[in-house]
Amino acid sequence: MSHTDVSSVTLTATGTVHTGLTRIRGIYFVSSGSAGSITIKDGGASGTTKILMATPAAVGSDNMLMPSNGVLFRTDAHVTLSNVTSATFIHG
């Protein structure tokens, strides 16, 4: 069985989690009080949407763990945050 080191990165605005091959394995986010979303694309801001997650219209935090080996991103994992205070991504 092959294992990969995992890392984390926290974003407070739209940006890139990782450039190059990676797998998103989990997300922890803090919502701002208005309904929002977290969109993660492979291939930059105009790439293919791989994860689209709605966030609640309430101040609070939650997390999402990806099944199995996570979601594969071949070129980069670009995130757009909408009405999200911050989001931490576990990847590797």
C-alpha atoms as a PDB file:
ATOM      1  CA  MET A   1       0.000   0.000   0.000  1.00  0.00           C
ATOM      2  CA  SER A   2       1.324   3.427  -0.964  1.00  0.00           C
ATOM      3  CA  HIS A   3       1.015   6.364   1.397  1.00  0.00           C
ATOM      4  CA  THR A   4       1.420  10.079   0.758  1.00  0.00           C
ATOM      5  CA  ASP A   5       2.316  12.802   3.209  1.00  0.00           C
ATOM      6  CA  VAL A   6      -0.578  15.130   3.848  1.00  0.00           C
ATOM      7  CA  SER A   7      -0.480  18.883   4.346  1.00  0.00           C
ATOM      8  CA  SER A   8      -2.966  21.561   5.189  1.00  0.00           C
ATOM      9  CA  VAL A   9      -3.531  25.078   3.939  1.00  0.00           C
ATOM     10  CA  THR A  10      -6.013  27.672   5.191  1.00  0.00           C
ATOM     11  CA  LEU A  11      -7.548  30.207   2.830  1.00  0.00           C
ATOM     12  CA  THR A  12      -9.537  33.310   3.771  1.00  0.00           C
ATOM     13  CA  ALA A  13     -10.192  34.316   0.155  1.00  0.00           C
ATOM     14  CA  THR A  14     -10.233  32.730  -3.287  1.00  0.00           C
ATOM     15  CA  GLY A  15      -6.906  31.054  -4.070  1.00  0.00           C
ATOM     16  CA  THR A  16      -4.972  27.879  -4.800  1.00  0.00           C
ATOM     17  CA  VAL A  17      -4.649  25.021  -2.313  1.00  0.00           C
ATOM     18  CA  HIS A  18      -1.837  23.297  -4.228  1.00  0.00           C
ATOM     19  CA  THR A  19      -0.227  23.554  -7.651  1.00  0.00           C
ATOM     20  CA  GLY A  20       0.383  20.162  -9.211  1.00  0.00           C
ATOM     21  CA  LEU A  21      -1.012  16.713  -8.492  1.00  0.00           C
ATOM     22  CA  THR A  22      -2.824  16.385  -5.151  1.00  0.00           C
ATOM     23  CA  ARG A  23      -5.885  14.904  -3.498  1.00  0.00           C
ATOM     24  CA  ILE A  24      -8.259  16.889  -1.292  1.00  0.00           C
ATOM     25  CA  ARG A  25      -8.957  14.614   1.678  1.00  0.00           C
ATOM     26  CA  GLY A  26     -10.895  16.919   3.977  1.00  0.00           C
ATOM     27  CA  ILE A  27     -12.271  20.434   4.422  1.00  0.00           C
ATOM     28  CA  TYR A  28     -12.921  22.390   7.620  1.00  0.00           C
ATOM     29  CA  PHE A  29     -14.718  25.710   7.171  1.00  0.00           C
ATOM     30  CA  VAL A  30     -16.073  28.634   9.151  1.00  0.00           C
ATOM     31  CA  SER A  31     -19.265  30.110   7.707  1.00  0.00           C
ATOM     32  CA  SER A  32     -19.943  33.847   7.835  1.00  0.00           C
ATOM     33  CA  GLY A  33     -23.643  33.905   8.673  1.00  0.00           C
ATOM     34  CA  SER A  34     -24.897  34.130   5.082  1.00  0.00           C
ATOM     35  CA  ALA A  35     -25.468  31.155   2.809  1.00  0.00           C
ATOM     36  CA  GLY A  36     -22.384  30.573   0.701  1.00  0.00           C
ATOM     37  CA  SER A  37     -20.309  27.986  -1.104  1.00  0.00           C
ATOM     38  CA  ILE A  38     -16.903  26.445  -1.563  1.00  0.00           C
ATOM     39  CA  THR A  39     -16.032  25.589  -5.169  1.00  0.00           C
ATOM     40  CA  ILE A  40     -12.863  23.640  -5.965  1.00  0.00           C
ATOM     41  CA  LYS A  41     -11.717  23.345  -9.569  1.00  0.00           C
ATOM     42  CA  ASP A  42      -8.953  21.354 -11.236  1.00  0.00           C
ATOM     43  CA  GLY A  43      -6.999  23.501 -13.689  1.00  0.00           C
ATOM     44  CA  GLY A  44      -7.286  26.997 -12.231  1.00  0.00           C
ATOM     45  CA  ALA A  45     -10.166  29.430 -11.884  1.00  0.00           C
ATOM     46  CA  SER A  46     -11.674  28.391 -15.233  1.00  0.00           C
ATOM     47  CA  GLY A  47     -10.987  24.669 -14.789  1.00  0.00           C
ATOM     48  CA  THR A  48     -13.302  21.728 -14.187  1.00  0.00           C
ATOM     49  CA  THR A  49     -15.421  21.866 -11.017  1.00  0.00           C
ATOM     50  CA  LYS A  50     -14.654  18.798  -8.908  1.00  0.00           C
ATOM     51  CA  ILE A  51     -16.247  19.847  -5.595  1.00  0.00           C
ATOM     52  CA  LEU A  52     -19.149  22.241  -5.031  1.00  0.00           C
ATOM     53  CA  MET A  53     -20.228  22.511  -1.421  1.00  0.00           C
ATOM     54  CA  ALA A  54     -22.994  24.749  -0.042  1.00  0.00           C
ATOM     55  CA  THR A  55     -22.395  26.381   3.342  1.00  0.00           C
ATOM     56  CA  PRO A  56     -25.176  27.282   5.800  1.00  0.00           C
ATOM     57  CA  ALA A  57     -26.673  30.691   6.502  1.00  0.00           C
ATOM     58  CA  ALA A  58     -25.404  30.611  10.080  1.00  0.00           C
ATOM     59  CA  VAL A  59     -22.256  31.578  11.919  1.00  0.00           C
ATOM     60  CA  GLY A  60     -20.420  28.384  12.792  1.00  0.00           C
ATOM     61  CA  SER A  61     -18.036  25.718  11.572  1.00  0.00           C
ATOM     62  CA  ASP A  62     -18.268  22.291  10.022  1.00  0.00           C
ATOM     63  CA  ASN A  63     -16.120  19.784   8.179  1.00  0.00           C
ATOM     64  CA  MET A  64     -16.308  17.315   5.343  1.00  0.00           C
ATOM     65  CA  LEU A  65     -14.087  14.259   5.023  1.00  0.00           C
ATOM     66  CA  MET A  66     -13.691  12.750   1.563  1.00  0.00           C
ATOM     67  CA  PRO A  67     -14.172   8.991   1.225  1.00  0.00           C
ATOM     68  CA  SER A  68     -11.393   6.589   0.307  1.00  0.00           C
ATOM     69  CA  ASN A  69      -8.334   8.431  -1.058  1.00  0.00           C
ATOM     70  CA  GLY A  70      -9.992  11.825  -1.490  1.00  0.00           C
ATOM     71  CA  VAL A  71     -10.718  13.759  -4.680  1.00  0.00           C
ATOM     72  CA  LEU A  72      -7.909  13.822  -7.269  1.00  0.00           C
ATOM     73  CA  PHE A  73      -6.712  17.116  -8.777  1.00  0.00           C
ATOM     74  CA  ARG A  74      -4.247  16.612 -11.623  1.00  0.00           C
ATOM     75  CA  THR A  75      -3.023  20.167 -12.305  1.00  0.00           C
ATOM     76  CA  ASP A  76      -4.006  22.272  -9.305  1.00  0.00           C
ATOM     77  CA  ALA A  77      -6.751  22.707  -6.745  1.00  0.00           C
ATOM     78  CA  HIS A  78      -8.196  26.215  -7.107  1.00  0.00           C
ATOM     79  CA  VAL A  79     -10.772  27.350  -4.541  1.00  0.00           C
ATOM     80  CA  THR A  80     -13.465  30.012  -4.750  1.00  0.00           C
ATOM     81  CA  LEU A  81     -14.910  30.994  -1.368  1.00  0.00           C
ATOM     82  CA  SER A  82     -18.285  32.741  -1.263  1.00  0.00           C
ATOM     83  CA  ASN A  83     -19.542  33.998   2.129  1.00  0.00           C
ATOM     84  CA  VAL A  84     -17.020  31.764   3.921  1.00  0.00           C
ATOM     85  CA  THR A  85     -14.768  33.293   6.588  1.00  0.00           C
ATOM     86  CA  SER A  86     -12.039  30.673   6.188  1.00  0.00           C
ATOM     87  CA  ALA A  87     -11.494  27.131   4.994  1.00  0.00           C
ATOM     88  CA  THR A  88      -8.726  24.664   5.807  1.00  0.00           C
ATOM     89  CA  PHE A  89      -7.982  21.967   3.239  1.00  0.00           C
ATOM     90  CA  ILE A  90      -6.231  18.687   4.045  1.00  0.00           C
ATOM     91  CA  HIS A  91      -4.471  17.483   0.905  1.00  0.00           C
ATOM     92  CA  GLY A  92      -1.671  15.235  -0.272  1.00  0.00           C
END
